[in-house]
């Protein structure tokens, strides 16, 4: 797969290989978290269908929202590190 991308620099090839490994690990972790979250929601909390659908749908909604956020940050000229910090603070407030 990497050999078919001759225009990549050596640094980009290394990054691409690391990303392939990260993607597999992330997929396994996300699948396990989702499975156990639904299992706990059903068995422990006897959750309704709406709660279960929100539990499964929120990651996809977050991915769609990220498109809007990236565009907003780019147009406003904000520092990406500061924008990320604000988003993390908003997310942390949801846990509080």
N, C-alpha and C. Protein backbone atom coordinates (compact mmCIF):
# COMPACT_ATOMS: atom_id res chain seq x y z
N UNK A 1 0.82 -1.18 0.00
CA UNK A 1 0.00 0.00 0.00
C UNK A 1 0.87 1.25 0.00
N UNK A 2 1.87 1.30 0.87
CA UNK A 2 2.74 2.46 0.95
C UNK A 2 3.61 2.57 -0.30
N UNK A 3 3.99 1.44 -0.88
CA UNK A 3 4.82 1.46 -2.08
C UNK A 3 4.09 2.09 -3.25
N UNK A 4 2.75 2.07 -3.23
CA UNK A 4 1.99 2.66 -4.32
C UNK A 4 1.87 4.18 -4.20
N UNK A 5 2.49 4.77 -3.17
CA UNK A 5 2.47 6.21 -2.97
C UNK A 5 3.88 6.77 -3.08
N UNK A 6 4.44 6.80 -4.30
CA UNK A 6 5.84 7.18 -4.46
C UNK A 6 6.12 8.65 -4.16
N UNK A 7 5.11 9.52 -4.15
CA UNK A 7 5.35 10.95 -3.97
C UNK A 7 5.53 11.33 -2.50
N UNK A 8 5.39 10.39 -1.58
CA UNK A 8 5.53 10.71 -0.16
C UNK A 8 7.00 10.83 0.24
N UNK A 9 7.25 11.79 1.09
CA UNK A 9 8.60 11.94 1.65
C UNK A 9 8.81 10.85 2.70
N UNK A 10 10.05 10.60 3.10
CA UNK A 10 10.30 9.60 4.15
C UNK A 10 9.55 9.91 5.45
N UNK A 11 9.47 11.18 5.82
CA UNK A 11 8.74 11.55 7.04
C UNK A 11 7.25 11.26 6.89
N UNK A 12 6.72 11.53 5.71
CA UNK A 12 5.29 11.26 5.46
C UNK A 12 5.02 9.76 5.45
N UNK A 13 5.95 8.97 4.94
CA UNK A 13 5.78 7.52 4.97
C UNK A 13 5.74 7.00 6.41
N UNK A 14 6.63 7.52 7.25
CA UNK A 14 6.66 7.12 8.66
C UNK A 14 5.36 7.50 9.34
N UNK A 15 4.89 8.71 9.07
CA UNK A 15 3.63 9.17 9.65
C UNK A 15 2.47 8.30 9.17
N UNK A 16 2.48 7.95 7.89
CA UNK A 16 1.41 7.13 7.32
C UNK A 16 1.38 5.75 7.98
N UNK A 17 2.54 5.16 8.19
CA UNK A 17 2.61 3.84 8.86
C UNK A 17 2.09 3.94 10.29
N UNK A 18 2.50 4.99 11.00
CA UNK A 18 2.03 5.17 12.38
C UNK A 18 0.52 5.39 12.41
N UNK A 19 0.00 6.11 11.44
CA UNK A 19 -1.44 6.35 11.37
C UNK A 19 -2.21 5.06 11.11
N UNK A 20 -1.65 4.18 10.30
CA UNK A 20 -2.30 2.89 10.06
C UNK A 20 -2.42 2.09 11.35
N UNK A 21 -1.36 2.08 12.14
CA UNK A 21 -1.39 1.37 13.43
C UNK A 21 -2.37 2.03 14.39
N UNK A 22 -2.33 3.35 14.45
CA UNK A 22 -3.23 4.09 15.34
C UNK A 22 -4.70 3.86 14.98
N UNK A 23 -5.00 3.82 13.70
CA UNK A 23 -6.38 3.65 13.26
C UNK A 23 -6.93 2.29 13.67
N UNK A 24 -6.12 1.25 13.58
CA UNK A 24 -6.56 -0.08 13.99
C UNK A 24 -6.82 -0.11 15.50
N UNK A 25 -5.90 0.44 16.26
CA UNK A 25 -6.06 0.45 17.71
C UNK A 25 -7.26 1.30 18.13
N UNK A 26 -7.43 2.44 17.51
CA UNK A 26 -8.56 3.30 17.84
C UNK A 26 -9.88 2.63 17.50
N UNK A 27 -9.93 1.95 16.37
CA UNK A 27 -11.16 1.24 16.00
C UNK A 27 -11.54 0.18 17.01
N UNK A 28 -10.55 -0.56 17.48
CA UNK A 28 -10.81 -1.61 18.48
C UNK A 28 -11.28 -0.99 19.80
N UNK A 29 -10.64 0.07 20.22
CA UNK A 29 -11.01 0.71 21.49
C UNK A 29 -12.40 1.33 21.40
N UNK A 30 -12.70 2.03 20.31
CA UNK A 30 -14.01 2.65 20.17
C UNK A 30 -15.12 1.60 20.12
N UNK A 31 -14.87 0.50 19.44
CA UNK A 31 -15.86 -0.57 19.37
C UNK A 31 -16.11 -1.17 20.74
N UNK A 32 -15.05 -1.41 21.48
CA UNK A 32 -15.20 -1.98 22.83
C UNK A 32 -15.93 -1.01 23.74
N UNK A 33 -15.58 0.28 23.69
CA UNK A 33 -16.25 1.26 24.53
C UNK A 33 -17.74 1.35 24.21
N UNK A 34 -18.07 1.37 22.94
CA UNK A 34 -19.48 1.45 22.54
C UNK A 34 -20.23 0.21 23.00
N UNK A 35 -19.64 -0.95 22.81
CA UNK A 35 -20.29 -2.20 23.21
C UNK A 35 -20.56 -2.21 24.70
N UNK A 36 -19.56 -1.88 25.49
CA UNK A 36 -19.74 -1.92 26.94
C UNK A 36 -20.64 -0.79 27.43
N UNK A 37 -20.61 0.36 26.77
CA UNK A 37 -21.50 1.45 27.16
C UNK A 37 -22.96 1.06 26.96
N UNK A 38 -23.27 0.44 25.83
CA UNK A 38 -24.65 -0.01 25.58
C UNK A 38 -25.02 -1.12 26.55
N UNK A 39 -24.11 -2.03 26.78
CA UNK A 39 -24.39 -3.13 27.72
C UNK A 39 -24.70 -2.58 29.12
N UNK A 40 -23.92 -1.63 29.59
CA UNK A 40 -24.17 -1.03 30.90
C UNK A 40 -25.48 -0.24 30.89
N UNK A 41 -25.73 0.49 29.81
CA UNK A 41 -26.97 1.27 29.73
C UNK A 41 -28.20 0.38 29.78
N UNK A 42 -28.13 -0.79 29.15
CA UNK A 42 -29.27 -1.69 29.12
C UNK A 42 -29.41 -2.47 30.42
N UNK A 43 -28.33 -3.08 30.86
CA UNK A 43 -28.42 -3.98 32.03
C UNK A 43 -28.46 -3.27 33.37
N UNK A 44 -27.70 -2.20 33.51
CA UNK A 44 -27.62 -1.54 34.82
C UNK A 44 -28.68 -0.45 34.95
N UNK A 45 -28.82 0.38 33.92
CA UNK A 45 -29.69 1.54 34.01
C UNK A 45 -31.04 1.34 33.34
N UNK A 46 -31.27 0.23 32.66
CA UNK A 46 -32.53 -0.04 31.96
C UNK A 46 -32.94 1.15 31.10
N UNK A 47 -32.01 1.62 30.27
CA UNK A 47 -32.19 2.84 29.48
C UNK A 47 -33.24 2.68 28.40
N UNK A 48 -33.85 3.81 28.06
CA UNK A 48 -34.85 3.83 27.00
C UNK A 48 -34.17 3.80 25.63
N UNK A 49 -34.97 3.63 24.61
CA UNK A 49 -34.43 3.59 23.25
C UNK A 49 -33.79 4.91 22.86
N UNK A 50 -34.34 6.01 23.35
CA UNK A 50 -33.79 7.33 23.01
C UNK A 50 -32.40 7.50 23.61
N UNK A 51 -32.22 7.09 24.85
CA UNK A 51 -30.91 7.20 25.49
C UNK A 51 -29.89 6.33 24.77
N UNK A 52 -30.29 5.12 24.42
CA UNK A 52 -29.36 4.23 23.70
C UNK A 52 -29.01 4.79 22.33
N UNK A 53 -29.96 5.37 21.64
CA UNK A 53 -29.66 5.93 20.32
C UNK A 53 -28.76 7.15 20.43
N UNK A 54 -28.97 7.97 21.47
CA UNK A 54 -28.07 9.11 21.70
C UNK A 54 -26.67 8.64 22.02
N UNK A 55 -26.57 7.59 22.82
CA UNK A 55 -25.27 7.04 23.19
C UNK A 55 -24.50 6.57 21.95
N UNK A 56 -25.21 5.99 21.02
CA UNK A 56 -24.56 5.51 19.80
C UNK A 56 -24.37 6.60 18.76
N UNK A 57 -25.25 7.60 18.73
CA UNK A 57 -25.21 8.61 17.68
C UNK A 57 -24.34 9.81 17.97
N UNK A 58 -24.06 10.09 19.23
CA UNK A 58 -23.29 11.30 19.57
C UNK A 58 -21.89 11.36 18.96
N UNK A 59 -21.14 10.25 18.89
CA UNK A 59 -19.83 10.36 18.23
C UNK A 59 -19.93 10.81 16.76
N UNK A 60 -20.94 10.32 16.05
CA UNK A 60 -21.12 10.73 14.65
C UNK A 60 -21.53 12.20 14.57
N UNK A 61 -22.37 12.64 15.49
CA UNK A 61 -22.77 14.05 15.52
C UNK A 61 -21.54 14.93 15.80
N UNK A 62 -20.68 14.46 16.69
CA UNK A 62 -19.45 15.20 16.97
C UNK A 62 -18.54 15.31 15.75
N UNK A 63 -18.45 14.24 14.99
CA UNK A 63 -17.63 14.30 13.77
C UNK A 63 -18.21 15.29 12.76
N UNK A 64 -19.52 15.31 12.62
CA UNK A 64 -20.15 16.28 11.71
C UNK A 64 -19.95 17.70 12.23
N UNK A 65 -20.06 17.88 13.54
CA UNK A 65 -19.86 19.20 14.12
C UNK A 65 -18.44 19.70 13.96
N UNK A 66 -17.49 18.78 13.93
CA UNK A 66 -16.09 19.19 13.79
C UNK A 66 -15.84 19.88 12.45
N UNK A 67 -16.58 19.54 11.43
CA UNK A 67 -16.43 20.23 10.14
C UNK A 67 -16.77 21.71 10.28
N UNK A 68 -17.83 22.01 11.00
CA UNK A 68 -18.24 23.39 11.22
C UNK A 68 -17.21 24.12 12.09
N UNK A 69 -16.72 23.45 13.13
CA UNK A 69 -15.76 24.06 14.05
C UNK A 69 -14.45 24.40 13.32
N UNK A 70 -13.95 23.48 12.51
CA UNK A 70 -12.70 23.71 11.78
C UNK A 70 -12.85 24.91 10.85
N UNK A 71 -13.98 25.00 10.18
CA UNK A 71 -14.22 26.12 9.28
C UNK A 71 -14.29 27.43 10.06
N UNK A 72 -14.97 27.42 11.21
CA UNK A 72 -15.10 28.61 12.04
C UNK A 72 -13.73 29.07 12.55
N UNK A 73 -12.93 28.15 13.05
CA UNK A 73 -11.60 28.49 13.56
C UNK A 73 -10.73 29.05 12.45
N UNK A 74 -10.79 28.45 11.28
CA UNK A 74 -9.99 28.94 10.15
C UNK A 74 -10.39 30.33 9.70
N UNK A 75 -11.68 30.59 9.62
CA UNK A 75 -12.15 31.90 9.16
C UNK A 75 -11.86 33.00 10.17
N UNK A 76 -11.96 32.68 11.45
CA UNK A 76 -11.73 33.69 12.49
C UNK A 76 -10.25 33.93 12.74
N UNK A 77 -9.39 33.04 12.26
CA UNK A 77 -7.95 33.21 12.47
C UNK A 77 -7.50 32.90 13.88
N UNK A 78 -8.27 32.09 14.60
CA UNK A 78 -7.92 31.72 15.96
C UNK A 78 -6.75 30.75 15.96
N UNK A 79 -6.02 30.73 17.05
CA UNK A 79 -4.98 29.73 17.22
C UNK A 79 -5.65 28.38 17.42
N UNK A 80 -5.17 27.38 16.71
CA UNK A 80 -5.82 26.07 16.82
C UNK A 80 -5.66 25.49 18.22
N UNK A 81 -4.54 25.77 18.87
CA UNK A 81 -4.35 25.25 20.23
C UNK A 81 -5.34 25.88 21.19
N UNK A 82 -5.62 27.16 21.04
CA UNK A 82 -6.59 27.83 21.91
C UNK A 82 -8.00 27.33 21.64
N UNK A 83 -8.34 27.15 20.37
CA UNK A 83 -9.67 26.63 20.03
C UNK A 83 -9.85 25.22 20.57
N UNK A 84 -8.82 24.39 20.47
CA UNK A 84 -8.90 23.03 21.02
C UNK A 84 -9.06 23.07 22.53
N UNK A 85 -8.36 23.99 23.21
CA UNK A 85 -8.47 24.10 24.66
C UNK A 85 -9.90 24.50 25.06
N UNK A 86 -10.51 25.40 24.32
CA UNK A 86 -11.89 25.81 24.61
C UNK A 86 -12.84 24.63 24.42
N UNK A 87 -12.64 23.87 23.35
CA UNK A 87 -13.50 22.70 23.12
C UNK A 87 -13.33 21.66 24.21
N UNK A 88 -12.11 21.46 24.66
CA UNK A 88 -11.88 20.51 25.76
C UNK A 88 -12.55 20.98 27.05
N UNK A 89 -12.51 22.29 27.30
CA UNK A 89 -13.17 22.83 28.49
C UNK A 89 -14.69 22.64 28.41
N UNK A 90 -15.24 22.86 27.24
CA UNK A 90 -16.68 22.65 27.06
C UNK A 90 -17.02 21.17 27.26
N UNK A 91 -16.19 20.30 26.72
CA UNK A 91 -16.42 18.86 26.90
C UNK A 91 -16.30 18.46 28.36
N UNK A 92 -15.31 19.01 29.05
CA UNK A 92 -15.13 18.69 30.48
C UNK A 92 -16.31 19.18 31.30
N UNK A 93 -16.89 20.31 30.92
CA UNK A 93 -18.06 20.82 31.65
C UNK A 93 -19.24 19.85 31.53
N UNK A 94 -19.29 19.12 30.43
CA UNK A 94 -20.35 18.12 30.26
C UNK A 94 -20.23 16.96 31.22
N UNK A 95 -19.02 16.70 31.70
CA UNK A 95 -18.82 15.62 32.66
C UNK A 95 -19.10 16.05 34.09
N UNK A 96 -19.12 17.37 34.32
CA UNK A 96 -19.25 17.91 35.68
C UNK A 96 -20.63 17.91 36.23
